[in-house]
N, C-alpha and C. Protein backbone atom coordinates (compact mmCIF):
# COMPACT_ATOMS: atom_id res chain seq x y z
N UNK A 1 0.82 -0.91 -0.14
CA UNK A 1 0.13 -0.02 0.07
C UNK A 1 1.08 1.25 0.04
N UNK A 2 0.10 2.22 -0.55
CA UNK A 2 0.98 3.61 -0.54
C UNK A 2 0.08 4.87 -0.37
N UNK A 3 0.58 5.49 0.42
CA UNK A 3 -0.17 6.74 0.17
C UNK A 3 -0.25 7.77 -0.39
N UNK A 4 -0.68 8.60 -1.39
CA UNK A 4 -0.64 9.50 -2.82
C UNK A 4 -1.45 10.49 -2.24
N UNK A 5 -0.87 11.58 -2.29
CA UNK A 5 -1.60 12.92 -2.23
C UNK A 5 -1.57 14.07 -3.42
N UNK A 6 -2.86 14.55 -3.84
CA UNK A 6 -2.54 15.26 -5.02
C UNK A 6 -3.34 16.49 -4.84
N UNK A 7 -2.93 17.76 -5.55
CA UNK A 7 -4.09 19.40 -4.78
C UNK A 7 -4.03 19.41 -6.42
N UNK A 8 -5.52 19.29 -6.39
CA UNK A 8 -6.48 19.58 -7.70
C UNK A 8 -6.46 20.90 -7.95
N UNK A 9 -6.80 21.89 -9.15
CA UNK A 9 -6.92 23.31 -9.08
C UNK A 9 -7.88 22.92 -10.43
N UNK A 10 -9.17 23.47 -9.79
CA UNK A 10 -10.29 23.28 -10.39
C UNK A 10 -10.17 23.84 -11.84
N UNK A 11 -10.89 23.26 -12.85
CA UNK A 11 -10.90 24.06 -14.29
C UNK A 11 -12.30 25.10 -14.54
N UNK A 12 -12.57 25.11 -15.64
CA UNK A 12 -13.65 26.05 -15.59
C UNK A 12 -14.78 24.80 -16.22
N UNK A 13 -14.43 23.59 -16.34
CA UNK A 13 -15.45 22.26 -16.50
C UNK A 13 -14.99 21.17 -15.88
N UNK A 14 -15.24 20.05 -15.59
CA UNK A 14 -15.00 18.69 -14.60
C UNK A 14 -13.58 18.92 -14.56
N UNK A 15 -12.54 18.58 -13.64
CA UNK A 15 -11.50 18.30 -13.64
C UNK A 15 -11.19 16.92 -13.41
N UNK A 16 -10.44 16.05 -13.83
CA UNK A 16 -10.02 15.01 -13.59
C UNK A 16 -9.23 14.29 -12.43
N UNK A 17 -9.40 14.14 -11.43
CA UNK A 17 -8.26 14.01 -10.32
C UNK A 17 -6.88 13.73 -10.96
N UNK A 18 -6.60 12.68 -11.84
CA UNK A 18 -5.27 12.23 -12.31
C UNK A 18 -5.51 11.46 -13.45
N UNK A 19 -4.38 11.75 -14.50
CA UNK A 19 -4.84 11.23 -15.74
C UNK A 19 -3.70 9.62 -15.75
N UNK A 20 -3.39 9.70 -14.85
CA UNK A 20 -2.40 8.51 -14.08
C UNK A 20 -3.36 7.64 -13.76
N UNK A 21 -3.03 6.32 -14.78
CA UNK A 21 -4.13 5.43 -14.22
C UNK A 21 -3.49 4.69 -12.42
N UNK A 22 -4.33 4.83 -11.94
CA UNK A 22 -4.53 4.87 -10.07
C UNK A 22 -5.78 4.12 -9.64
N UNK A 23 -5.65 2.81 -8.91
CA UNK A 23 -6.66 2.39 -8.27
C UNK A 23 -6.16 2.30 -6.41
N UNK A 24 -7.35 2.90 -5.65
CA UNK A 24 -7.35 2.87 -4.73
C UNK A 24 -8.34 2.28 -4.14
N UNK A 25 -8.46 1.69 -2.00
CA UNK A 25 -8.91 1.10 -1.66
C UNK A 25 -9.86 2.39 -0.48
N UNK A 26 -9.37 3.52 -0.69
CA UNK A 26 -9.71 5.13 0.17
C UNK A 26 -9.17 5.96 -0.52
N UNK A 27 -10.38 6.70 -0.78
CA UNK A 27 -10.01 8.64 -0.89
C UNK A 27 -10.74 9.85 0.06
N UNK A 28 -9.59 10.44 0.20
CA UNK A 28 -10.18 11.71 1.33
C UNK A 28 -10.38 12.75 0.25
N UNK A 29 -10.90 13.50 -0.08
CA UNK A 29 -11.09 14.93 -0.85
C UNK A 29 -11.61 16.19 0.21
N UNK A 30 -10.90 17.04 0.42
CA UNK A 30 -11.00 18.14 0.74
C UNK A 30 -10.86 19.38 0.23
N UNK A 31 -11.94 19.97 0.64
CA UNK A 31 -12.12 21.52 -0.52
C UNK A 31 -11.70 22.76 0.59
N UNK A 32 -10.78 23.64 0.20
CA UNK A 32 -9.97 24.54 0.52
C UNK A 32 -11.30 25.51 1.54
N UNK A 33 -10.67 26.43 2.72
CA UNK A 33 -11.69 26.99 3.25
C UNK A 33 -11.96 28.36 2.05
N UNK A 34 -13.30 28.53 1.93
CA UNK A 34 -13.44 29.77 1.25
C UNK A 34 -13.85 29.11 -0.04
N UNK A 35 -13.90 28.07 -0.08
CA UNK A 35 -14.45 27.20 -1.91
C UNK A 35 -15.86 27.08 -1.33
N UNK A 36 -16.67 27.37 -2.77
CA UNK A 36 -17.62 27.07 -2.84
C UNK A 36 -17.94 25.36 -3.02
N UNK A 37 -19.09 24.91 -3.04
CA UNK A 37 -19.41 23.04 -3.01
C UNK A 37 -18.45 22.98 -4.25
N UNK A 38 -17.91 21.79 -3.91
CA UNK A 38 -17.57 21.01 -4.85
C UNK A 38 -18.33 19.48 -4.77
N UNK A 39 -18.84 19.40 -6.51
CA UNK A 39 -19.42 17.86 -6.87
C UNK A 39 -17.82 17.25 -7.20
N UNK A 40 -18.62 15.95 -6.95
CA UNK A 40 -17.53 14.68 -7.05
C UNK A 40 -18.56 13.73 -7.83
N UNK A 41 -17.68 12.94 -9.05
CA UNK A 41 -18.80 12.02 -9.76
C UNK A 41 -17.59 11.42 -10.86
N UNK A 42 -18.32 10.77 -11.85
CA UNK A 42 -17.95 10.47 -13.38
C UNK A 42 -16.92 11.49 -14.02
N UNK A 43 -17.24 10.78 -15.33
CA UNK A 43 -16.55 12.16 -16.26
C UNK A 43 -17.60 13.27 -16.83
N UNK A 44 -19.03 12.34 -16.52
CA UNK A 44 -20.08 13.32 -16.77
C UNK A 44 -20.39 14.34 -15.56
N UNK A 45 -19.74 14.50 -14.79
CA UNK A 45 -20.32 15.26 -13.43
C UNK A 45 -20.70 16.28 -13.52
N UNK A 46 -21.78 16.78 -12.95
CA UNK A 46 -22.70 18.09 -13.36
C UNK A 46 -23.50 18.56 -12.55
N UNK A 47 -23.98 20.51 -12.68
CA UNK A 47 -24.63 20.68 -11.25
C UNK A 47 -26.00 19.94 -11.12
N UNK A 48 -26.67 18.90 -11.93
CA UNK A 48 -27.40 18.35 -11.93
C UNK A 48 -27.27 16.95 -11.53
N UNK A 49 -25.99 16.10 -11.74
CA UNK A 49 -25.75 14.74 -12.02
C UNK A 49 -24.45 14.43 -11.42
N UNK A 50 -24.58 14.11 -10.07
CA UNK A 50 -23.38 13.77 -9.21
C UNK A 50 -23.40 12.72 -7.82
N UNK A 51 -22.29 12.77 -8.12
CA UNK A 51 -22.27 11.26 -6.73
C UNK A 51 -22.19 11.90 -5.44
N UNK A 52 -21.80 12.78 -5.37
CA UNK A 52 -21.78 13.43 -3.58
C UNK A 52 -21.20 15.05 -3.81
N UNK A 53 -20.91 15.74 -2.44
CA UNK A 53 -20.23 17.12 -2.95
C UNK A 53 -19.47 16.89 -1.86
N UNK A 54 -18.70 18.17 -1.24
CA UNK A 54 -17.57 18.32 -0.84
C UNK A 54 -17.93 19.80 0.00
N UNK A 55 -18.09 20.04 1.08
CA UNK A 55 -18.48 21.56 1.72
C UNK A 55 -17.16 21.94 1.93
N UNK A 56 -16.89 23.03 1.92
CA UNK A 56 -15.64 24.03 2.06
C UNK A 56 -14.95 23.81 3.34
N UNK A 57 -14.02 23.82 3.92
CA UNK A 57 -13.80 23.51 5.43
C UNK A 57 -13.70 25.23 5.87
N UNK A 58 -13.60 24.95 7.39
CA UNK A 58 -14.24 26.40 7.82
C UNK A 58 -12.57 26.66 8.85
N UNK A 59 -12.50 27.64 9.01
CA UNK A 59 -11.28 27.98 10.04
C UNK A 59 -10.83 26.92 10.97
N UNK A 60 -12.03 26.45 11.72
CA UNK A 60 -12.00 25.54 12.57
C UNK A 60 -12.18 23.75 12.50
N UNK A 61 -12.60 23.73 11.11
CA UNK A 61 -13.31 22.45 10.84
C UNK A 61 -13.27 21.74 9.80
N UNK A 62 -12.64 20.38 9.37
CA UNK A 62 -12.38 19.98 8.08
C UNK A 62 -14.13 19.07 8.01
N UNK A 63 -14.07 19.35 6.72
CA UNK A 63 -15.11 18.92 6.29
C UNK A 63 -15.09 17.68 4.76
N UNK A 64 -14.37 17.18 5.29
CA UNK A 64 -13.75 16.31 4.49
C UNK A 64 -14.51 15.39 3.87
N UNK A 65 -14.74 14.55 2.99
CA UNK A 65 -15.24 13.46 2.24
C UNK A 65 -14.59 11.76 2.23
N UNK A 66 -14.68 10.95 2.72
CA UNK A 66 -14.19 9.90 2.70
C UNK A 66 -15.08 8.71 1.76
N UNK A 67 -14.67 8.28 0.40
CA UNK A 67 -14.78 7.12 -0.43
C UNK A 67 -14.43 5.96 0.26
N UNK A 68 -14.01 4.95 0.83
CA UNK A 68 -13.94 3.76 1.08
C UNK A 68 -14.03 4.10 2.56
N UNK A 69 -13.11 2.51 2.79
CA UNK A 69 -12.13 2.09 2.36
C UNK A 69 -13.08 0.92 1.82
N UNK A 70 -12.78 0.23 0.27
CA UNK A 70 -13.41 -0.71 -0.20
C UNK A 70 -12.32 -1.70 -0.45
N UNK A 71 -12.91 -2.68 -1.04
CA UNK A 71 -11.91 -4.19 -1.41
C UNK A 71 -10.17 -3.11 -2.66
N UNK A 72 -9.11 -3.63 -1.99
CA UNK A 72 -8.15 -3.00 -2.98
C UNK A 72 -8.54 -2.85 -4.32
N UNK A 73 -7.49 -1.44 -4.65
CA UNK A 73 -7.92 -1.18 -5.55
C UNK A 73 -9.53 -0.98 -7.02
N UNK A 74 -10.43 -1.03 -5.85
CA UNK A 74 -12.09 -1.13 -6.17
C UNK A 74 -12.45 0.80 -6.82
N UNK A 75 -11.63 1.49 -6.05
CA UNK A 75 -12.33 2.92 -6.87
C UNK A 75 -10.91 3.13 -7.76
N UNK A 76 -11.36 3.74 -8.38
CA UNK A 76 -10.20 4.53 -10.56
C UNK A 76 -10.37 5.17 -9.79
N UNK A 77 -8.96 5.55 -9.38
CA UNK A 77 -8.98 7.16 -9.27
C UNK A 77 -9.17 8.32 -10.28
N UNK A 78 -8.84 7.73 -11.70
CA UNK A 78 -8.48 8.29 -12.87
C UNK A 78 -10.17 8.32 -13.45
N UNK A 79 -10.68 7.76 -12.85
CA UNK A 79 -11.87 8.31 -13.60
C UNK A 79 -12.84 8.92 -12.23
N UNK A 80 -12.38 9.71 -11.67
CA UNK A 80 -13.08 10.24 -10.56
C UNK A 80 -12.84 11.86 -10.80
N UNK A 81 -13.95 12.66 -11.25
CA UNK A 81 -13.65 14.15 -11.65
C UNK A 81 -14.55 15.02 -10.46
N UNK A 82 -13.70 15.95 -10.41
CA UNK A 82 -14.13 17.22 -9.29
C UNK A 82 -15.05 18.72 -10.38
N UNK A 83 -16.19 18.96 -9.73
CA UNK A 83 -16.71 20.39 -10.34
C UNK A 83 -17.03 21.10 -9.39
N UNK A 84 -16.39 22.43 -9.80
CA UNK A 84 -16.63 23.59 -8.85
C UNK A 84 -16.16 24.81 -9.24
N UNK A 85 -15.82 26.16 -8.51
CA UNK A 85 -15.28 27.02 -8.86
C UNK A 85 -14.02 27.32 -9.80
N UNK A 86 -13.88 27.58 -10.92
CA UNK A 86 -12.61 27.42 -11.29
C UNK A 86 -11.31 28.32 -10.78
N UNK A 87 -10.07 27.62 -10.39
CA UNK A 87 -9.01 28.24 -9.57
C UNK A 87 -9.22 27.58 -8.48
N UNK A 88 -10.24 27.16 -7.97
CA UNK A 88 -10.44 26.55 -5.97
C UNK A 88 -9.64 25.34 -6.17
N UNK A 89 -9.06 24.72 -4.84
CA UNK A 89 -8.35 23.62 -4.95
C UNK A 89 -9.03 22.63 -3.58
N UNK A 90 -8.82 21.51 -4.00
CA UNK A 90 -9.07 20.66 -3.40
C UNK A 90 -7.73 19.60 -3.42
N UNK A 91 -8.09 18.92 -2.26
CA UNK A 91 -6.81 18.43 -1.64
C UNK A 91 -7.53 16.63 -1.64
N UNK A 92 -6.81 15.86 -2.33
CA UNK A 92 -6.93 14.62 -2.41
C UNK A 92 -6.01 13.73 -2.08
N UNK A 93 -6.38 12.41 -0.78
CA UNK A 93 -5.63 11.78 -0.21
C UNK A 93 -5.70 10.35 -0.31
N UNK A 94 -5.08 9.59 -1.13
CA UNK A 94 -5.22 8.29 -1.40
C UNK A 94 -4.36 7.10 -0.98
N UNK A 95 -4.78 5.91 -0.60
CA UNK A 95 -4.73 4.72 0.19
C UNK A 95 -4.38 3.76 -1.07
N UNK A 96 -3.59 3.65 -1.69
CA UNK A 96 -3.40 2.83 -2.97
C UNK A 96 -2.89 1.33 -2.43
């Protein structure tokens, strides 16, 4: 197992977490303080169609969303997309 981390800068459209082929058993999504709501899902994620959302952190608390743990390699990180306000950042921690 390995711990990987990514800082994803959101684009104007859905942004892929990574283009590398990465399979994970646990993923943690954390939206920086001050961000707008970030939605996550597959490549077709939209404001109306999404798997879940991440509320921005506050000055005193993390509002991270955790996916898993699941069977090793069950989450294809390269198939995970984020949608929010362009230029805002989301931190992603992965156990693969």
